[in-house]
Amino acid sequence: MSTKALLEDGPEELAGTVVPIVPPGQELKIPHRGGYEHYKVTTRHEEIEQEKVTVYRWWERTETAE
């Protein structure tokens, strides 16, 4: 299983970036601009720099409590 994720959709500055995933297959919660962007794993994979990575699709944003 891939140890990296390709982020799909969500904020423009995160879309298309590759990030590490630990543990694989779980939801990703990325800190971003005072909140979190949430990504869910898909069944799709992309070839990035000769490595097969799992595509994670954006599904919601949550704000950080102060």
N, C-alpha and C. Protein backbone atom coordinates (compact mmCIF):
# COMPACT_ATOMS: atom_id res chain seq x y z
N MET A 1 0.85 -1.19 0.00
CA MET A 1 0.00 0.00 0.00
C MET A 1 0.89 1.25 0.00
N SER A 2 0.42 2.28 -0.63
CA SER A 2 1.17 3.52 -0.75
C SER A 2 1.34 4.21 0.61
N THR A 3 2.45 4.89 0.78
CA THR A 3 2.69 5.67 2.00
C THR A 3 2.53 7.16 1.73
N LYS A 4 2.06 7.50 0.52
CA LYS A 4 1.83 8.89 0.15
C LYS A 4 0.44 9.04 -0.43
N ALA A 5 -0.10 10.25 -0.28
CA ALA A 5 -1.44 10.56 -0.80
C ALA A 5 -1.37 11.75 -1.74
N LEU A 6 -2.14 11.68 -2.81
CA LEU A 6 -2.35 12.81 -3.70
C LEU A 6 -3.68 13.44 -3.29
N LEU A 7 -3.65 14.72 -2.89
CA LEU A 7 -4.87 15.40 -2.46
C LEU A 7 -5.65 15.90 -3.66
N GLU A 8 -6.94 15.62 -3.66
CA GLU A 8 -7.83 16.01 -4.76
C GLU A 8 -8.90 16.94 -4.22
N ASP A 9 -9.12 18.03 -4.93
CA ASP A 9 -10.12 19.05 -4.58
C ASP A 9 -9.71 19.77 -3.29
N GLY A 10 -10.63 20.46 -2.66
CA GLY A 10 -10.32 21.24 -1.47
C GLY A 10 -9.67 22.57 -1.84
N PRO A 11 -8.99 23.20 -0.87
CA PRO A 11 -8.36 24.49 -1.13
C PRO A 11 -7.35 24.42 -2.27
N GLU A 12 -7.32 25.46 -3.06
CA GLU A 12 -6.46 25.51 -4.25
C GLU A 12 -5.00 25.23 -3.92
N GLU A 13 -4.51 25.76 -2.79
CA GLU A 13 -3.09 25.57 -2.47
C GLU A 13 -2.77 24.16 -1.97
N LEU A 14 -3.77 23.34 -1.66
CA LEU A 14 -3.53 21.95 -1.26
C LEU A 14 -3.82 20.96 -2.39
N ALA A 15 -4.74 21.29 -3.25
CA ALA A 15 -5.14 20.38 -4.34
C ALA A 15 -3.94 20.04 -5.21
N GLY A 16 -3.74 18.75 -5.44
CA GLY A 16 -2.66 18.30 -6.30
C GLY A 16 -1.34 18.07 -5.58
N THR A 17 -1.30 18.33 -4.27
CA THR A 17 -0.06 18.09 -3.53
C THR A 17 0.00 16.65 -3.05
N VAL A 18 1.22 16.18 -2.82
CA VAL A 18 1.45 14.83 -2.32
C VAL A 18 1.94 14.95 -0.88
N VAL A 19 1.29 14.20 0.02
CA VAL A 19 1.64 14.24 1.44
C VAL A 19 1.82 12.81 1.96
N PRO A 20 2.61 12.65 3.04
CA PRO A 20 2.75 11.32 3.63
C PRO A 20 1.45 10.92 4.34
N ILE A 21 1.17 9.62 4.38
CA ILE A 21 0.00 9.12 5.10
C ILE A 21 0.44 8.07 6.11
N VAL A 22 0.02 8.28 7.36
CA VAL A 22 0.32 7.34 8.44
C VAL A 22 -0.89 7.30 9.34
N PRO A 23 -1.55 6.20 9.55
CA PRO A 23 -1.38 4.96 8.79
C PRO A 23 -2.15 5.02 7.49
N PRO A 24 -1.74 4.25 6.49
CA PRO A 24 -2.45 4.24 5.20
C PRO A 24 -3.91 3.80 5.35
N GLY A 25 -4.77 4.32 4.49
CA GLY A 25 -6.16 3.89 4.47
C GLY A 25 -7.08 4.65 5.40
N GLN A 26 -6.52 5.56 6.17
CA GLN A 26 -7.32 6.34 7.11
C GLN A 26 -7.66 7.71 6.52
N GLU A 27 -8.61 8.39 7.15
CA GLU A 27 -8.92 9.76 6.77
C GLU A 27 -7.72 10.65 7.07
N LEU A 28 -7.48 11.64 6.24
CA LEU A 28 -6.42 12.61 6.48
C LEU A 28 -7.02 13.90 7.02
N LYS A 29 -6.36 14.48 8.00
CA LYS A 29 -6.78 15.74 8.61
C LYS A 29 -5.57 16.67 8.50
N ILE A 30 -5.65 17.63 7.57
CA ILE A 30 -4.53 18.51 7.26
C ILE A 30 -4.76 19.88 7.88
N PRO A 31 -3.87 20.34 8.79
CA PRO A 31 -4.02 21.69 9.34
C PRO A 31 -3.85 22.72 8.23
N HIS A 32 -4.77 23.70 8.20
CA HIS A 32 -4.73 24.69 7.12
C HIS A 32 -5.52 25.93 7.52
N ARG A 33 -4.84 27.07 7.55
CA ARG A 33 -5.48 28.38 7.78
C ARG A 33 -6.43 28.39 8.97
N GLY A 34 -5.97 27.98 10.13
CA GLY A 34 -6.77 28.05 11.36
C GLY A 34 -7.84 26.99 11.48
N GLY A 35 -7.75 25.95 10.68
CA GLY A 35 -8.72 24.85 10.75
C GLY A 35 -8.09 23.59 10.20
N TYR A 36 -8.94 22.66 9.81
CA TYR A 36 -8.47 21.41 9.23
C TYR A 36 -9.25 21.08 7.97
N GLU A 37 -8.53 20.61 6.97
CA GLU A 37 -9.15 20.10 5.75
C GLU A 37 -9.16 18.58 5.87
N HIS A 38 -10.31 17.97 5.64
CA HIS A 38 -10.47 16.53 5.80
C HIS A 38 -10.56 15.86 4.42
N TYR A 39 -9.80 14.80 4.26
CA TYR A 39 -9.74 14.05 3.01
C TYR A 39 -10.04 12.58 3.29
N LYS A 40 -10.82 11.95 2.42
CA LYS A 40 -11.14 10.53 2.54
C LYS A 40 -10.44 9.75 1.43
N VAL A 41 -10.02 8.55 1.78
CA VAL A 41 -9.33 7.68 0.84
C VAL A 41 -10.29 7.26 -0.28
N THR A 42 -9.77 7.14 -1.50
CA THR A 42 -10.54 6.62 -2.62
C THR A 42 -9.90 5.30 -3.06
N THR A 43 -10.49 4.65 -4.02
CA THR A 43 -9.92 3.42 -4.55
C THR A 43 -8.97 3.70 -5.71
N ARG A 44 -8.81 4.99 -6.05
CA ARG A 44 -7.98 5.36 -7.19
C ARG A 44 -6.52 5.57 -6.80
N HIS A 45 -5.65 5.37 -7.77
CA HIS A 45 -4.22 5.61 -7.61
C HIS A 45 -3.71 6.40 -8.80
N GLU A 46 -2.65 7.17 -8.59
CA GLU A 46 -1.99 7.93 -9.65
C GLU A 46 -0.50 7.62 -9.60
N GLU A 47 0.13 7.71 -10.75
CA GLU A 47 1.58 7.53 -10.85
C GLU A 47 2.22 8.91 -10.72
N ILE A 48 2.98 9.13 -9.66
CA ILE A 48 3.65 10.41 -9.42
C ILE A 48 5.14 10.12 -9.25
N GLU A 49 5.95 10.68 -10.13
CA GLU A 49 7.40 10.50 -10.07
C GLU A 49 7.78 9.03 -9.90
N GLN A 50 7.20 8.19 -10.74
CA GLN A 50 7.47 6.74 -10.79
C GLN A 50 7.07 6.02 -9.51
N GLU A 51 6.13 6.59 -8.76
CA GLU A 51 5.60 5.94 -7.56
C GLU A 51 4.08 5.97 -7.61
N LYS A 52 3.46 4.86 -7.27
CA LYS A 52 2.00 4.77 -7.25
C LYS A 52 1.51 5.32 -5.91
N VAL A 53 0.70 6.39 -5.96
CA VAL A 53 0.17 6.99 -4.73
C VAL A 53 -1.35 6.89 -4.72
N THR A 54 -1.92 6.85 -3.53
CA THR A 54 -3.36 6.77 -3.35
C THR A 54 -3.97 8.16 -3.44
N VAL A 55 -5.10 8.29 -4.11
CA VAL A 55 -5.81 9.57 -4.22
C VAL A 55 -6.77 9.70 -3.04
N TYR A 56 -6.67 10.83 -2.35
CA TYR A 56 -7.57 11.18 -1.25
C TYR A 56 -8.38 12.38 -1.69
N ARG A 57 -9.70 12.31 -1.53
CA ARG A 57 -10.59 13.38 -1.99
C ARG A 57 -11.09 14.21 -0.81
N TRP A 58 -11.05 15.54 -0.98
CA TRP A 58 -11.52 16.47 0.05
C TRP A 58 -13.00 16.25 0.30
N TRP A 59 -13.41 16.33 1.58
CA TRP A 59 -14.84 16.22 1.85
C TRP A 59 -15.38 17.24 2.83
N GLU A 60 -14.54 17.86 3.69
CA GLU A 60 -15.06 18.93 4.55
C GLU A 60 -13.92 19.69 5.20
N ARG A 61 -14.28 20.85 5.74
CA ARG A 61 -13.37 21.67 6.52
C ARG A 61 -13.96 21.85 7.90
N THR A 62 -13.12 21.79 8.92
CA THR A 62 -13.56 22.12 10.29
C THR A 62 -12.67 23.23 10.81
N GLU A 63 -13.23 24.06 11.67
CA GLU A 63 -12.50 25.16 12.29
C GLU A 63 -11.88 24.70 13.61
N THR A 64 -10.74 25.30 13.94
CA THR A 64 -10.08 25.01 15.20
C THR A 64 -10.76 25.80 16.31
N ALA A 65 -11.09 25.13 17.41
CA ALA A 65 -11.71 25.82 18.55
C ALA A 65 -10.65 26.67 19.26
N GLU A 66 -11.05 27.83 19.72
CA GLU A 66 -10.10 28.72 20.41
C GLU A 66 -10.31 28.69 21.88
